[in-house]
Structure formats: structure tokens, C-alpha cells
Amino acid sequence: MGYAYRVKPDETVQLREINPDEKGGLSKSEALPLTDALGKEMSDLLELLYAANSKSLLLVLQGRDTAGKDGAIRHMLQFLNVQSCRVVPFKVPTVEEAAHDFLWRIHEHAPARGSIALFNRSHYEDVLVVRVHNLVPEEVWKRRYAHINAFESLLCDGNTIILKFYLHISKQEQEERLRAREKDPTKSWKLAVADWKERELWDEYTTAYEEALSRCSPAEAPWFIVPADHKWFRDLAITERIVKALRPYREEWMDELTQRGVVAKREIEAFRETLP
């Protein structure tokens, strides 16, 4: 068992049963070297993914305001090859995007083989904020769980590895982070009264998240609930889960690269024999 909680297929999630203040029995000083070692292993594995060019990786980050999506992405980017990595932030749909089905704007950003995509928010907004704010009728958003599962199954069939992380923070921690922003001039661009208004809908969002996590966590595209009150523990939990998901492919990727090297060397040797 890892530091993040894996949601089993068809499991009914109760977020109140998962402690957002969890630290895995570790102190920050103990966790940081573990995270760094895992990060380096993750970097090596992702280099193999890039070189083998047979699979892609999609990382989905969801969470309430201040849950730490940006911070988690900054941490991961320390260990990723920018040539093969893309961060996609999904905001309010544009007029053109809203004129299509809700997955239209998502699909074009799915990672190609050999590459990595990090979604900062995602298609799940269409069963979260859309539901909480009654932006579409209930009979519409309820059908979207099945559409999401089918979409993610399609990506998996196309050799995409999907990992989804819900960053789980407490209401008290969120308030402390929102107030801290007001004291930091470098964070003033993040200040928005909407964040405080959304807090009034805490219970509604909890219900929406619980249903999304419960209904959309098949074995091939699992959700992981990450206790996120402590940023250092959040980073450890996410990094560990990525490494665990990629390790089984190491031998496969090395075999692919070894065979490719054998073929390339034969071609080089054959070419050299033609030289005077």
C-alpha cells in the first residue's frame, strides 16, 4: 500500500473517512530524500517511455481551490523532459468549445505515444462545477460518467497510461491558504472573491467529487486520493504512485530499445562495409 489511497473499481468513496492531514508516519525531513530518490527514478522511467515511443502517460490533477495542483505540477516538472511533456490547464470553455460535446476540447490534448500530458483540471469539471452550479440539466451530467469511462478506455486502448489524482485538503487548510495569499504580493494574481464564494458550496462539491471518484475509477484508469494538507507529503504520494505505475514497463521498454539498437547497428555496419 502506498501513500495515496487508490479507489477500487465500483468502490463507494466517503471523503470524510480519508484524513487530508495524513503524513504516512513520516516527518518532512524523512520524506524529502524519499521523494527525491523516487523523482530520479521517475525521470529515468520517463526517459525510457520517451525513447521506446510505444506508450504515453496522462496525469490528471483535480482538487478544490488551493489544493495544490500548480505546486504538484511544478514539483513533477523538476524530473520531466520538457521535450516530451505538456501541461494543459482547463479553464471555462470558450464559445467554440461550448458549442461541441464536452470531451471535444479534451481529446485533442491527449498525449501522443512517447509523451506526457499533465491536465490541471480536466473533463471531470463537467461532472463537478457543472453539476454544483446547475449549468446543465441533471439528466445531462449524469450520462457523462459513462462517456468519461468510455473516453478513458479509448485512450488506454491506444496505449495511454492514465493516473488521476484528487488532491484532498481540509476546509481549514484551504482557508489558511486563501488568507496566506492575501499577505503575499507574489500571489496577488491568484486572489479572487469567487474562491470564497465556492467555499460556501463545500458540501455540494464533496458530494460531486465522491460520485465522480466512485463511478470513474476502473482498474485501467484509477483515481488516487492524495492527502494534501502537507505539500511535501502530497509530492511524495504522487511521485510514488507514478513510479509504481511505470516500473512494470521498464523491462518491456529496455527490450524494445535493445532490439532497436541491434537493428540500427546492423544497418551501420552494412553501410560501413560499402565505404572504400
Protein backbone atom coordinates (compact mmCIF):
# COMPACT_ATOMS: atom_id res chain seq x y z
CA MET A 1 0.00 0.00 0.00
CA GLY A 2 1.32 3.43 -0.95
CA TYR A 3 0.94 6.90 0.47
CA ALA A 4 -2.03 7.78 -1.76
CA TYR A 5 -5.33 5.94 -1.47
CA ARG A 6 -6.30 4.03 -4.62
CA VAL A 7 -10.02 3.99 -5.35
CA LYS A 8 -11.04 0.47 -6.31
CA PRO A 9 -13.45 -0.13 -9.21
CA ASP A 10 -17.07 0.44 -8.13
CA GLU A 11 -15.99 1.46 -4.61
CA THR A 12 -18.22 3.99 -2.85
CA VAL A 13 -15.96 6.84 -1.74
CA GLN A 14 -16.56 8.71 1.51
CA LEU A 15 -14.05 11.55 1.68
CA ARG A 16 -14.67 12.14 5.38
CA GLU A 17 -13.09 8.73 6.01
CA ILE A 18 -9.76 9.80 4.47
CA ASN A 19 -7.60 12.14 6.54
CA PRO A 20 -6.28 15.09 4.48
CA ASP A 21 -3.70 15.69 7.25
CA GLU A 22 -2.16 12.23 6.77
CA LYS A 23 1.66 12.13 6.76
CA GLY A 24 2.28 8.40 6.41
CA GLY A 25 4.13 8.25 9.71
CA LEU A 26 6.88 10.45 8.26
CA SER A 27 8.36 13.81 9.11
CA LYS A 28 9.17 16.30 6.37
CA SER A 29 12.90 15.70 6.83
CA GLU A 30 12.36 11.97 6.35
CA ALA A 31 10.08 12.39 3.33
CA LEU A 32 12.20 14.77 1.26
CA PRO A 33 15.05 12.34 0.46
CA LEU A 34 12.50 9.61 -0.34
CA THR A 35 10.73 11.97 -2.73
CA ASP A 36 13.99 12.96 -4.38
CA ALA A 37 15.03 9.33 -4.92
CA LEU A 38 11.63 8.47 -6.38
CA GLY A 39 11.78 11.57 -8.56
CA LYS A 40 15.07 10.47 -10.05
CA GLU A 41 13.67 7.01 -10.71
CA MET A 42 10.60 8.59 -12.29
CA SER A 43 12.87 10.66 -14.54
CA ASP A 44 14.71 7.53 -15.70
CA LEU A 45 11.46 5.68 -16.38
CA LEU A 46 10.01 8.59 -18.34
CA GLU A 47 13.17 8.79 -20.45
CA LEU A 48 12.55 5.15 -21.35
CA LEU A 49 8.89 5.91 -22.14
CA TYR A 50 10.04 8.72 -24.45
CA ALA A 51 12.71 6.65 -26.16
CA ALA A 52 10.64 3.49 -26.58
CA ASN A 53 7.79 5.58 -28.05
CA SER A 54 5.22 2.84 -27.52
CA LYS A 55 3.12 4.31 -24.71
CA SER A 56 2.06 7.71 -23.44
CA LEU A 57 1.27 8.99 -19.95
CA LEU A 58 -1.70 11.11 -18.90
CA LEU A 59 -1.70 12.60 -15.41
CA VAL A 60 -4.95 14.22 -14.28
CA LEU A 61 -4.94 16.59 -11.29
CA GLN A 62 -8.20 17.62 -9.66
CA GLY A 63 -8.92 19.34 -6.37
CA ARG A 64 -10.58 22.27 -4.70
CA ASP A 65 -9.14 25.77 -4.87
CA THR A 66 -5.68 25.90 -3.19
CA ALA A 67 -5.45 22.08 -3.13
CA GLY A 68 -2.01 22.34 -4.72
CA LYS A 69 -2.40 21.39 -8.37
CA ASP A 70 0.08 24.04 -9.55
CA GLY A 71 2.56 23.12 -6.84
CA ALA A 72 2.34 19.42 -7.64
CA ILE A 73 2.98 20.14 -11.31
CA ARG A 74 5.98 22.36 -10.50
CA HIS A 75 7.41 19.53 -8.41
CA MET A 76 6.97 16.95 -11.18
CA LEU A 77 8.48 19.21 -13.81
CA GLN A 78 11.82 19.01 -11.99
CA PHE A 79 12.07 15.42 -13.16
CA LEU A 80 10.45 15.55 -16.60
CA ASN A 81 11.98 16.07 -20.02
CA VAL A 82 10.31 19.22 -21.34
CA GLN A 83 10.65 17.88 -24.89
CA SER A 84 8.14 15.15 -24.14
CA CYS A 85 5.94 16.90 -21.58
CA ARG A 86 2.99 19.29 -21.85
CA VAL A 87 0.90 20.98 -19.14
CA VAL A 88 -2.71 21.68 -20.13
CA PRO A 89 -4.80 23.92 -17.85
CA PHE A 90 -8.52 23.59 -18.49
CA LYS A 91 -10.48 26.73 -17.69
CA VAL A 92 -14.04 27.85 -18.53
CA PRO A 93 -14.85 26.59 -22.05
CA THR A 94 -14.60 29.10 -24.88
CA VAL A 95 -17.62 29.80 -27.06
CA GLU A 96 -16.33 27.37 -29.67
CA GLU A 97 -15.58 24.66 -27.11
CA ALA A 98 -19.01 25.02 -25.52
CA ALA A 99 -20.61 24.53 -28.95
CA HIS A 100 -19.21 20.96 -29.09
CA ASP A 101 -19.60 17.91 -26.86
CA PHE A 102 -17.82 18.29 -23.53
CA LEU A 103 -14.97 15.93 -24.47
CA TRP A 104 -14.14 17.66 -27.75
CA ARG A 105 -11.69 20.11 -26.21
CA ILE A 106 -10.11 17.38 -24.10
CA HIS A 107 -9.32 14.80 -26.76
CA GLU A 108 -7.00 16.99 -28.80
CA HIS A 109 -4.71 17.35 -25.77
CA ALA A 110 -4.39 13.61 -25.07
CA PRO A 111 -0.69 12.67 -25.16
CA ALA A 112 0.83 11.05 -28.23
CA ARG A 113 2.99 7.93 -27.86
CA GLY A 114 6.26 8.76 -26.15
CA SER A 115 4.89 11.89 -24.50
CA ILE A 116 3.36 13.03 -21.22
CA ALA A 117 0.39 15.33 -20.61
CA LEU A 118 -0.45 16.86 -17.24
CA PHE A 119 -4.04 18.05 -17.00
CA ASN A 120 -4.57 20.87 -14.50
CA ARG A 121 -8.30 20.27 -14.09
CA SER A 122 -9.88 18.18 -16.80
CA HIS A 123 -13.02 16.65 -18.30
CA TYR A 124 -14.15 15.98 -14.72
CA GLU A 125 -15.12 19.64 -14.38
CA ASP A 126 -18.17 18.66 -16.42
CA VAL A 127 -19.47 16.49 -13.59
CA LEU A 128 -18.20 18.79 -10.82
CA VAL A 129 -18.62 22.55 -11.28
CA VAL A 130 -21.24 21.97 -13.97
CA ARG A 131 -23.23 19.85 -11.54
CA VAL A 132 -22.81 22.08 -8.49
CA HIS A 133 -23.81 25.22 -10.38
CA ASN A 134 -26.63 23.57 -12.35
CA LEU A 135 -25.12 24.60 -15.68
CA VAL A 136 -26.77 21.69 -17.47
CA PRO A 137 -29.77 19.53 -16.53
CA GLU A 138 -29.19 16.59 -14.20
CA GLU A 139 -30.08 14.07 -16.90
CA VAL A 140 -27.22 15.51 -19.00
CA TRP A 141 -24.39 15.44 -16.44
CA LYS A 142 -25.46 12.02 -15.14
CA ARG A 143 -24.82 10.49 -18.56
CA ARG A 144 -21.32 11.94 -18.58
CA TYR A 145 -19.86 9.38 -16.18
CA ALA A 146 -20.37 6.68 -18.81
CA HIS A 147 -18.96 8.97 -21.52
CA ILE A 148 -15.87 9.65 -19.39
CA ASN A 149 -15.27 5.95 -18.75
CA ALA A 150 -15.63 5.16 -22.45
CA PHE A 151 -13.28 8.03 -23.39
CA GLU A 152 -10.60 6.93 -20.95
CA SER A 153 -10.99 3.31 -22.10
CA LEU A 154 -10.37 4.51 -25.66
CA LEU A 155 -7.16 6.25 -24.57
CA CYS A 156 -5.99 3.15 -22.71
CA ASP A 157 -6.64 1.03 -25.79
CA GLY A 158 -4.36 3.47 -27.60
CA ASN A 159 -1.53 2.65 -25.15
CA THR A 160 -2.01 5.60 -22.82
CA ILE A 161 -1.23 5.06 -19.14
CA ILE A 162 -3.75 7.09 -17.11
CA LEU A 163 -3.28 8.16 -13.50
CA LYS A 164 -5.77 10.52 -11.84
CA PHE A 165 -5.05 12.35 -8.60
CA TYR A 166 -7.60 14.04 -6.36
CA LEU A 167 -5.75 16.41 -4.01
CA HIS A 168 -7.65 16.13 -0.75
CA ILE A 169 -7.40 19.13 1.59
CA SER A 170 -9.39 20.11 4.65
CA LYS A 171 -11.66 23.13 4.79
CA GLN A 172 -9.49 24.65 7.50
CA GLU A 173 -6.32 24.23 5.44
CA GLN A 174 -8.00 25.81 2.44
CA GLU A 175 -8.95 28.87 4.49
CA GLU A 176 -5.39 29.23 5.78
CA ARG A 177 -4.01 29.07 2.24
CA LEU A 178 -6.52 31.58 0.93
CA ARG A 179 -5.66 34.02 3.71
CA ALA A 180 -1.94 33.48 3.17
CA ARG A 181 -2.37 34.59 -0.45
CA GLU A 182 -3.68 37.94 0.72
CA LYS A 183 -0.42 38.56 2.59
CA ASP A 184 1.89 37.61 -0.28
CA PRO A 185 2.18 40.17 -3.11
CA THR A 186 3.57 37.49 -5.44
CA LYS A 187 0.29 35.57 -5.06
CA SER A 188 -1.99 38.58 -5.63
CA TRP A 189 -2.76 37.40 -9.15
CA LYS A 190 -4.49 34.39 -7.61
CA LEU A 191 -6.84 36.44 -5.41
CA ALA A 192 -10.48 36.07 -6.38
CA VAL A 193 -13.69 36.54 -4.46
CA ALA A 194 -15.01 33.51 -6.37
CA ASP A 195 -12.75 31.27 -4.27
CA TRP A 196 -14.56 32.38 -1.13
CA LYS A 197 -17.95 32.02 -2.77
CA GLU A 198 -17.11 28.46 -3.82
CA ARG A 199 -16.28 27.62 -0.18
CA GLU A 200 -19.95 28.14 0.60
CA LEU A 201 -20.62 25.12 -1.63
CA TRP A 202 -18.15 22.84 0.16
CA ASP A 203 -20.67 20.07 0.88
CA GLU A 204 -22.07 20.18 -2.65
CA TYR A 205 -18.58 19.77 -4.10
CA THR A 206 -17.85 16.95 -1.68
CA THR A 207 -20.90 15.06 -2.96
CA ALA A 208 -19.93 15.72 -6.57
CA TYR A 209 -16.35 14.57 -6.05
CA GLU A 210 -17.41 11.45 -4.19
CA GLU A 211 -19.67 10.36 -7.04
CA ALA A 212 -17.06 11.10 -9.71
CA LEU A 213 -14.38 9.21 -7.79
CA SER A 214 -16.75 6.29 -7.16
CA ARG A 215 -18.09 5.95 -10.69
CA CYS A 216 -14.97 6.64 -12.74
CA SER A 217 -12.10 4.60 -11.27
CA PRO A 218 -11.72 1.46 -13.41
CA ALA A 219 -8.58 -0.62 -12.99
CA GLU A 220 -7.11 0.77 -16.20
CA ALA A 221 -7.62 4.44 -15.25
CA PRO A 222 -7.65 4.64 -11.45
CA TRP A 223 -8.23 7.57 -9.13
CA PHE A 224 -5.81 8.18 -6.28
CA ILE A 225 -6.87 10.30 -3.33
CA VAL A 226 -3.83 12.23 -2.11
CA PRO A 227 -3.85 13.71 1.41
CA ALA A 228 -2.73 17.26 0.58
CA ASP A 229 -2.74 19.36 3.75
CA HIS A 230 1.05 18.93 3.73
CA LYS A 231 2.61 19.88 0.41
CA TRP A 232 5.71 17.73 0.96
CA PHE A 233 3.57 14.66 1.61
CA ARG A 234 1.42 15.42 -1.45
CA ASP A 235 4.55 15.43 -3.63
CA LEU A 236 5.81 12.18 -2.14
CA ALA A 237 2.46 10.41 -2.61
CA ILE A 238 2.07 11.47 -6.25
CA THR A 239 5.67 10.68 -7.21
CA GLU A 240 5.49 7.26 -5.59
CA ARG A 241 2.30 6.36 -7.47
CA ILE A 242 3.73 7.40 -10.82
CA VAL A 243 6.86 5.33 -10.24
CA LYS A 244 4.86 2.28 -9.18
CA ALA A 245 2.72 2.56 -12.31
CA LEU A 246 5.73 2.81 -14.63
CA ARG A 247 8.08 0.24 -13.09
CA PRO A 248 6.33 -2.79 -14.68
CA TYR A 249 7.13 -1.39 -18.14
CA ARG A 250 10.87 -0.96 -17.57
CA GLU A 251 11.86 -4.38 -18.92
CA GLU A 252 9.48 -4.08 -21.89
CA TRP A 253 10.91 -0.68 -22.83
CA MET A 254 14.50 -1.83 -22.38
CA ASP A 255 13.83 -4.84 -24.62
CA GLU A 256 12.34 -2.57 -27.29
CA LEU A 257 15.34 -0.26 -27.17
CA THR A 258 17.81 -3.16 -27.17
CA GLN A 259 16.21 -4.71 -30.26
CA ARG A 260 16.10 -1.34 -31.97
CA GLY A 261 19.79 -0.90 -31.19
CA VAL A 262 20.64 -4.28 -32.69
CA VAL A 263 18.86 -3.40 -35.95
CA ALA A 264 20.45 0.05 -36.10
CA LYS A 265 23.96 -1.36 -35.52
CA ARG A 266 23.48 -3.88 -38.33
CA GLU A 267 22.49 -1.07 -40.68
CA ILE A 268 25.50 0.97 -39.64
CA GLU A 269 27.87 -1.98 -40.10
CA ALA A 270 26.37 -2.74 -43.51
CA PHE A 271 26.86 0.87 -44.54
CA ARG A 272 30.47 0.89 -43.37
CA GLU A 273 31.19 -2.16 -45.50
CA THR A 274 30.21 -0.16 -48.60
CA LEU A 275 32.77 2.53 -47.86
CA PRO A 276 36.09 2.45 -49.71
